[in-house]
Amino acid sequence: MEFKNLFIWQKATELAESIYSLAYKIPLFEKYGLGRHLRRAFDSVLSNIAGDSARCSLAEAITQVELAKNSVI
């Protein structure tokens, strides 16, 4: 299954857009600390969801989603 068709990918992409928008509104003195961290965390989330999706079994897909979740926590 193509990862872009996954419901979780679509929701994570929507959330990432919101996070990026929020990160750009952070005051300049925090932009390169907190803002950068938020952007990198959601890049990691999307990468983990997309990772190996073409050859993933259900168990591997669950592991990828767990990795994505842990990127944010």
PDB file of N, CA and C in Angstrom:
ATOM      1  N   MET A   1       0.840  -1.179   0.000  1.00  0.00           N
ATOM      2  CA  MET A   1       0.000   0.000   0.000  1.00  0.00           C
ATOM      3  C   MET A   1       0.887   1.246   0.000  1.00  0.00           C
ATOM      4  N   GLU A   2       0.526   2.206  -0.800  1.00  0.00           N
ATOM      5  CA  GLU A   2       1.232   3.473  -0.883  1.00  0.00           C
ATOM      6  C   GLU A   2       1.005   4.259   0.405  1.00  0.00           C
ATOM      7  N   PHE A   3       2.087   4.707   1.040  1.00  0.00           N
ATOM      8  CA  PHE A   3       1.954   5.379   2.336  1.00  0.00           C
ATOM      9  C   PHE A   3       1.118   6.649   2.264  1.00  0.00           C
ATOM     10  N   LYS A   4       1.089   7.311   1.122  1.00  0.00           N
ATOM     11  CA  LYS A   4       0.302   8.541   1.012  1.00  0.00           C
ATOM     12  C   LYS A   4      -1.197   8.272   1.053  1.00  0.00           C
ATOM     13  N   ASN A   5      -1.600   7.031   0.878  1.00  0.00           N
ATOM     14  CA  ASN A   5      -3.011   6.661   0.966  1.00  0.00           C
ATOM     15  C   ASN A   5      -3.425   6.304   2.391  1.00  0.00           C
ATOM     16  N   LEU A   6      -2.459   6.179   3.284  1.00  0.00           N
ATOM     17  CA  LEU A   6      -2.766   5.818   4.663  1.00  0.00           C
ATOM     18  C   LEU A   6      -3.420   6.988   5.392  1.00  0.00           C
ATOM     19  N   PHE A   7      -4.457   6.685   6.140  1.00  0.00           N
ATOM     20  CA  PHE A   7      -5.170   7.696   6.918  1.00  0.00           C
ATOM     21  C   PHE A   7      -4.218   8.412   7.871  1.00  0.00           C
ATOM     22  N   ILE A   8      -3.363   7.643   8.526  1.00  0.00           N
ATOM     23  CA  ILE A   8      -2.440   8.244   9.502  1.00  0.00           C
ATOM     24  C   ILE A   8      -1.458   9.197   8.823  1.00  0.00           C
ATOM     25  N   TRP A   9      -1.045   8.884   7.591  1.00  0.00           N
ATOM     26  CA  TRP A   9      -0.153   9.782   6.846  1.00  0.00           C
ATOM     27  C   TRP A   9      -0.869  11.089   6.543  1.00  0.00           C
ATOM     28  N   GLN A  10      -2.116  10.989   6.102  1.00  0.00           N
ATOM     29  CA  GLN A  10      -2.882  12.181   5.759  1.00  0.00           C
ATOM     30  C   GLN A  10      -3.084  13.073   6.979  1.00  0.00           C
ATOM     31  N   LYS A  11      -3.420  12.477   8.125  1.00  0.00           N
ATOM     32  CA  LYS A  11      -3.615  13.257   9.352  1.00  0.00           C
ATOM     33  C   LYS A  11      -2.287  13.842   9.845  1.00  0.00           C
ATOM     34  N   ALA A  12      -1.216  13.066   9.748  1.00  0.00           N
ATOM     35  CA  ALA A  12       0.097  13.556  10.180  1.00  0.00           C
ATOM     36  C   ALA A  12       0.549  14.716   9.296  1.00  0.00           C
ATOM     37  N   THR A  13       0.239  14.656   8.010  1.00  0.00           N
ATOM     38  CA  THR A  13       0.586  15.743   7.104  1.00  0.00           C
ATOM     39  C   THR A  13      -0.185  17.010   7.463  1.00  0.00           C
ATOM     40  N   GLU A  14      -1.470  16.867   7.770  1.00  0.00           N
ATOM     41  CA  GLU A  14      -2.261  18.023   8.205  1.00  0.00           C
ATOM     42  C   GLU A  14      -1.695  18.622   9.485  1.00  0.00           C
ATOM     43  N   LEU A  15      -1.347  17.755  10.426  1.00  0.00           N
ATOM     44  CA  LEU A  15      -0.785  18.219  11.690  1.00  0.00           C
ATOM     45  C   LEU A  15       0.573  18.886  11.465  1.00  0.00           C
ATOM     46  N   ALA A  16       1.378  18.326  10.590  1.00  0.00           N
ATOM     47  CA  ALA A  16       2.688  18.910  10.294  1.00  0.00           C
ATOM     48  C   ALA A  16       2.531  20.318   9.720  1.00  0.00           C
ATOM     49  N   GLU A  17       1.554  20.509   8.842  1.00  0.00           N
ATOM     50  CA  GLU A  17       1.310  21.839   8.289  1.00  0.00           C
ATOM     51  C   GLU A  17       0.967  22.827   9.401  1.00  0.00           C
ATOM     52  N   SER A  18       0.154  22.381  10.355  1.00  0.00           N
ATOM     53  CA  SER A  18      -0.204  23.247  11.486  1.00  0.00           C
ATOM     54  C   SER A  18       1.014  23.551  12.347  1.00  0.00           C
ATOM     55  N   ILE A  19       1.841  22.546  12.588  1.00  0.00           N
ATOM     56  CA  ILE A  19       3.048  22.728  13.403  1.00  0.00           C
ATOM     57  C   ILE A  19       4.009  23.693  12.717  1.00  0.00           C
ATOM     58  N   TYR A  20       4.196  23.528  11.410  1.00  0.00           N
ATOM     59  CA  TYR A  20       5.077  24.448  10.685  1.00  0.00           C
ATOM     60  C   TYR A  20       4.562  25.871  10.761  1.00  0.00           C
ATOM     61  N   SER A  21       3.260  26.039  10.617  1.00  0.00           N
ATOM     62  CA  SER A  21       2.662  27.368  10.708  1.00  0.00           C
ATOM     63  C   SER A  21       2.885  27.967  12.096  1.00  0.00           C
ATOM     64  N   LEU A  22       2.692  27.156  13.115  1.00  0.00           N
ATOM     65  CA  LEU A  22       2.923  27.599  14.488  1.00  0.00           C
ATOM     66  C   LEU A  22       4.395  27.926  14.726  1.00  0.00           C
ATOM     67  N   ALA A  23       5.287  27.085  14.194  1.00  0.00           N
ATOM     68  CA  ALA A  23       6.716  27.288  14.405  1.00  0.00           C
ATOM     69  C   ALA A  23       7.190  28.617  13.828  1.00  0.00           C
ATOM     70  N   TYR A  24       6.587  29.055  12.741  1.00  0.00           N
ATOM     71  CA  TYR A  24       6.982  30.328  12.138  1.00  0.00           C
ATOM     72  C   TYR A  24       6.455  31.532  12.906  1.00  0.00           C
ATOM     73  N   LYS A  25       5.523  31.309  13.829  1.00  0.00           N
ATOM     74  CA  LYS A  25       4.982  32.400  14.640  1.00  0.00           C
ATOM     75  C   LYS A  25       5.719  32.549  15.970  1.00  0.00           C
ATOM     76  N   ILE A  26       6.633  31.659  16.253  1.00  0.00           N
ATOM     77  CA  ILE A  26       7.404  31.713  17.494  1.00  0.00           C
ATOM     78  C   ILE A  26       8.324  32.933  17.455  1.00  0.00           C
ATOM     79  N   PRO A  27       8.477  33.623  18.575  1.00  0.00           N
ATOM     80  CA  PRO A  27       9.361  34.792  18.604  1.00  0.00           C
ATOM     81  C   PRO A  27      10.773  34.466  18.115  1.00  0.00           C
ATOM     82  N   LEU A  28      11.402  35.441  17.535  1.00  0.00           N
ATOM     83  CA  LEU A  28      12.710  35.248  16.909  1.00  0.00           C
ATOM     84  C   LEU A  28      13.731  34.598  17.841  1.00  0.00           C
ATOM     85  N   PHE A  29      13.747  34.988  19.106  1.00  0.00           N
ATOM     86  CA  PHE A  29      14.748  34.434  20.024  1.00  0.00           C
ATOM     87  C   PHE A  29      14.545  32.945  20.277  1.00  0.00           C
ATOM     88  N   GLU A  30      13.359  32.406  20.003  1.00  0.00           N
ATOM     89  CA  GLU A  30      13.093  30.972  20.164  1.00  0.00           C
ATOM     90  C   GLU A  30      13.030  30.232  18.836  1.00  0.00           C
ATOM     91  N   LYS A  31      13.024  30.963  17.752  1.00  0.00           N
ATOM     92  CA  LYS A  31      12.799  30.359  16.439  1.00  0.00           C
ATOM     93  C   LYS A  31      13.794  29.245  16.124  1.00  0.00           C
ATOM     94  N   TYR A  32      15.034  29.411  16.526  1.00  0.00           N
ATOM     95  CA  TYR A  32      16.048  28.424  16.179  1.00  0.00           C
ATOM     96  C   TYR A  32      16.211  27.351  17.239  1.00  0.00           C
ATOM     97  N   GLY A  33      15.497  27.461  18.338  1.00  0.00           N
ATOM     98  CA  GLY A  33      15.505  26.421  19.366  1.00  0.00           C
ATOM     99  C   GLY A  33      14.239  25.602  19.268  1.00  0.00           C
ATOM    100  N   LEU A  34      13.191  26.127  19.849  1.00  0.00           N
ATOM    101  CA  LEU A  34      11.911  25.422  19.885  1.00  0.00           C
ATOM    102  C   LEU A  34      11.324  25.224  18.492  1.00  0.00           C
ATOM    103  N   GLY A  35      11.344  26.262  17.676  1.00  0.00           N
ATOM    104  CA  GLY A  35      10.782  26.166  16.325  1.00  0.00           C
ATOM    105  C   GLY A  35      11.477  25.098  15.504  1.00  0.00           C
ATOM    106  N   ARG A  36      12.788  25.076  15.567  1.00  0.00           N
ATOM    107  CA  ARG A  36      13.568  24.068  14.825  1.00  0.00           C
ATOM    108  C   ARG A  36      13.262  22.674  15.351  1.00  0.00           C
ATOM    109  N   HIS A  37      13.161  22.544  16.653  1.00  0.00           N
ATOM    110  CA  HIS A  37      12.857  21.243  17.251  1.00  0.00           C
ATOM    111  C   HIS A  37      11.490  20.731  16.788  1.00  0.00           C
ATOM    112  N   LEU A  38      10.490  21.592  16.780  1.00  0.00           N
ATOM    113  CA  LEU A  38       9.151  21.196  16.335  1.00  0.00           C
ATOM    114  C   LEU A  38       9.164  20.740  14.879  1.00  0.00           C
ATOM    115  N   ARG A  39       9.834  21.495  14.028  1.00  0.00           N
ATOM    116  CA  ARG A  39       9.887  21.126  12.609  1.00  0.00           C
ATOM    117  C   ARG A  39      10.610  19.807  12.405  1.00  0.00           C
ATOM    118  N   ARG A  40      11.725  19.613  13.095  1.00  0.00           N
ATOM    119  CA  ARG A  40      12.487  18.368  12.951  1.00  0.00           C
ATOM    120  C   ARG A  40      11.709  17.178  13.496  1.00  0.00           C
ATOM    121  N   ALA A  41      10.971  17.375  14.592  1.00  0.00           N
ATOM    122  CA  ALA A  41      10.184  16.278  15.158  1.00  0.00           C
ATOM    123  C   ALA A  41       9.131  15.809  14.166  1.00  0.00           C
ATOM    124  N   PHE A  42       8.448  16.746  13.517  1.00  0.00           N
ATOM    125  CA  PHE A  42       7.418  16.321  12.575  1.00  0.00           C
ATOM    126  C   PHE A  42       7.983  15.818  11.262  1.00  0.00           C
ATOM    127  N   ASP A  43       9.163  16.253  10.886  1.00  0.00           N
ATOM    128  CA  ASP A  43       9.831  15.633   9.742  1.00  0.00           C
ATOM    129  C   ASP A  43      10.108  14.167  10.064  1.00  0.00           C
ATOM    130  N   SER A  44      10.516  13.925  11.294  1.00  0.00           N
ATOM    131  CA  SER A  44      10.784  12.557  11.744  1.00  0.00           C
ATOM    132  C   SER A  44       9.509  11.715  11.761  1.00  0.00           C
ATOM    133  N   VAL A  45       8.418  12.297  12.217  1.00  0.00           N
ATOM    134  CA  VAL A  45       7.133  11.586  12.238  1.00  0.00           C
ATOM    135  C   VAL A  45       6.767  11.141  10.832  1.00  0.00           C
ATOM    136  N   LEU A  46       6.801  12.064   9.893  1.00  0.00           N
ATOM    137  CA  LEU A  46       6.430  11.731   8.520  1.00  0.00           C
ATOM    138  C   LEU A  46       7.384  10.705   7.918  1.00  0.00           C
ATOM    139  N   SER A  47       8.671  10.829   8.204  1.00  0.00           N
ATOM    140  CA  SER A  47       9.645   9.869   7.693  1.00  0.00           C
ATOM    141  C   SER A  47       9.405   8.472   8.252  1.00  0.00           C
ATOM    142  N   ASN A  48       9.080   8.401   9.537  1.00  0.00           N
ATOM    143  CA  ASN A  48       8.839   7.096  10.142  1.00  0.00           C
ATOM    144  C   ASN A  48       7.568   6.441   9.614  1.00  0.00           C
ATOM    145  N   ILE A  49       6.554   7.224   9.334  1.00  0.00           N
ATOM    146  CA  ILE A  49       5.333   6.652   8.770  1.00  0.00           C
ATOM    147  C   ILE A  49       5.603   6.156   7.353  1.00  0.00           C
ATOM    148  N   ALA A  50       6.329   6.935   6.586  1.00  0.00           N
ATOM    149  CA  ALA A  50       6.597   6.580   5.195  1.00  0.00           C
ATOM    150  C   ALA A  50       7.622   5.460   5.070  1.00  0.00           C
ATOM    151  N   GLY A  51       8.485   5.325   6.058  1.00  0.00           N
ATOM    152  CA  GLY A  51       9.589   4.385   5.978  1.00  0.00           C
ATOM    153  C   GLY A  51       9.180   2.953   5.680  1.00  0.00           C
ATOM    154  N   ASP A  52       9.727   2.421   4.625  1.00  0.00           N
ATOM    155  CA  ASP A  52       9.530   1.021   4.229  1.00  0.00           C
ATOM    156  C   ASP A  52       8.066   0.631   4.054  1.00  0.00           C
ATOM    157  N   SER A  53       7.189   1.575   3.772  1.00  0.00           N
ATOM    158  CA  SER A  53       5.758   1.250   3.667  1.00  0.00           C
ATOM    159  C   SER A  53       5.465   0.328   2.488  1.00  0.00           C
ATOM    160  N   ALA A  54       6.281   0.363   1.464  1.00  0.00           N
ATOM    161  CA  ALA A  54       6.021  -0.467   0.280  1.00  0.00           C
ATOM    162  C   ALA A  54       6.167  -1.956   0.580  1.00  0.00           C
ATOM    163  N   ARG A  55       7.017  -2.295   1.537  1.00  0.00           N
ATOM    164  CA  ARG A  55       7.232  -3.717   1.820  1.00  0.00           C
ATOM    165  C   ARG A  55       6.891  -4.091   3.262  1.00  0.00           C
ATOM    166  N   CYS A  56       6.147  -3.244   3.924  1.00  0.00           N
ATOM    167  CA  CYS A  56       5.815  -3.458   5.337  1.00  0.00           C
ATOM    168  C   CYS A  56       4.704  -4.474   5.532  1.00  0.00           C
ATOM    169  N   SER A  57       4.902  -5.287   6.545  1.00  0.00           N
ATOM    170  CA  SER A  57       3.810  -6.109   7.047  1.00  0.00           C
ATOM    171  C   SER A  57       3.049  -5.256   8.060  1.00  0.00           C
ATOM    172  N   LEU A  58       1.943  -5.760   8.554  1.00  0.00           N
ATOM    173  CA  LEU A  58       1.176  -5.015   9.556  1.00  0.00           C
ATOM    174  C   LEU A  58       2.024  -4.758  10.798  1.00  0.00           C
ATOM    175  N   ALA A  59       2.772  -5.761  11.242  1.00  0.00           N
ATOM    176  CA  ALA A  59       3.616  -5.602  12.434  1.00  0.00           C
ATOM    177  C   ALA A  59       4.671  -4.522  12.219  1.00  0.00           C
ATOM    178  N   GLU A  60       5.276  -4.501  11.027  1.00  0.00           N
ATOM    179  CA  GLU A  60       6.280  -3.475  10.727  1.00  0.00           C
ATOM    180  C   GLU A  60       5.642  -2.090  10.642  1.00  0.00           C
ATOM    181  N   ALA A  61       4.441  -2.023  10.088  1.00  0.00           N
ATOM    182  CA  ALA A  61       3.738  -0.739  10.003  1.00  0.00           C
ATOM    183  C   ALA A  61       3.433  -0.202  11.393  1.00  0.00           C
ATOM    184  N   ILE A  62       3.031  -1.076  12.301  1.00  0.00           N
ATOM    185  CA  ILE A  62       2.759  -0.664  13.686  1.00  0.00           C
ATOM    186  C   ILE A  62       4.037  -0.137  14.329  1.00  0.00           C
ATOM    187  N   THR A  63       5.154  -0.805  14.070  1.00  0.00           N
ATOM    188  CA  THR A  63       6.439  -0.347  14.597  1.00  0.00           C
ATOM    189  C   THR A  63       6.779   1.039  14.063  1.00  0.00           C
ATOM    190  N   GLN A  64       6.535   1.277  12.762  1.00  0.00           N
ATOM    191  CA  GLN A  64       6.806   2.591  12.175  1.00  0.00           C
ATOM    192  C   GLN A  64       5.950   3.668  12.828  1.00  0.00           C
ATOM    193  N   VAL A  65       4.684   3.359  13.087  1.00  0.00           N
ATOM    194  CA  VAL A  65       3.793   4.327  13.727  1.00  0.00           C
ATOM    195  C   VAL A  65       4.257   4.595  15.161  1.00  0.00           C
ATOM    196  N   GLU A  66       4.701   3.558  15.859  1.00  0.00           N
ATOM    197  CA  GLU A  66       5.225   3.740  17.221  1.00  0.00           C
ATOM    198  C   GLU A  66       6.467   4.639  17.198  1.00  0.00           C
ATOM    199  N   LEU A  67       7.348   4.442  16.228  1.00  0.00           N
ATOM    200  CA  LEU A  67       8.527   5.300  16.094  1.00  0.00           C
ATOM    201  C   LEU A  67       8.107   6.742  15.834  1.00  0.00           C
ATOM    202  N   ALA A  68       7.106   6.910  14.988  1.00  0.00           N
ATOM    203  CA  ALA A  68       6.615   8.256  14.686  1.00  0.00           C
ATOM    204  C   ALA A  68       6.068   8.908  15.943  1.00  0.00           C
ATOM    205  N   LYS A  69       5.269   8.153  16.707  1.00  0.00           N
ATOM    206  CA  LYS A  69       4.700   8.694  17.942  1.00  0.00           C
ATOM    207  C   LYS A  69       5.802   9.091  18.912  1.00  0.00           C
ATOM    208  N   ASN A  70       6.825   8.260  19.024  1.00  0.00           N
ATOM    209  CA  ASN A  70       7.904   8.544  19.967  1.00  0.00           C
ATOM    210  C   ASN A  70       8.752   9.736  19.541  1.00  0.00           C
ATOM    211  N   SER A  71       8.710  10.102  18.260  1.00  0.00           N
ATOM    212  CA  SER A  71       9.436  11.278  17.789  1.00  0.00           C
ATOM    213  C   SER A  71       8.879  12.556  18.383  1.00  0.00           C
ATOM    214  N   VAL A  72       7.607  12.527  18.723  1.00  0.00           N
ATOM    215  CA  VAL A  72       6.934  13.728  19.222  1.00  0.00           C
ATOM    216  C   VAL A  72       7.004  13.814  20.737  1.00  0.00           C
ATOM    217  N   ILE A  73       7.025  12.689  21.379  1.00  0.00           N
ATOM    218  CA  ILE A  73       6.981  12.658  22.853  1.00  0.00           C
ATOM    219  C   ILE A  73       8.316  13.082  23.438  1.00  0.00           C
TER     220      ILE A  73
END
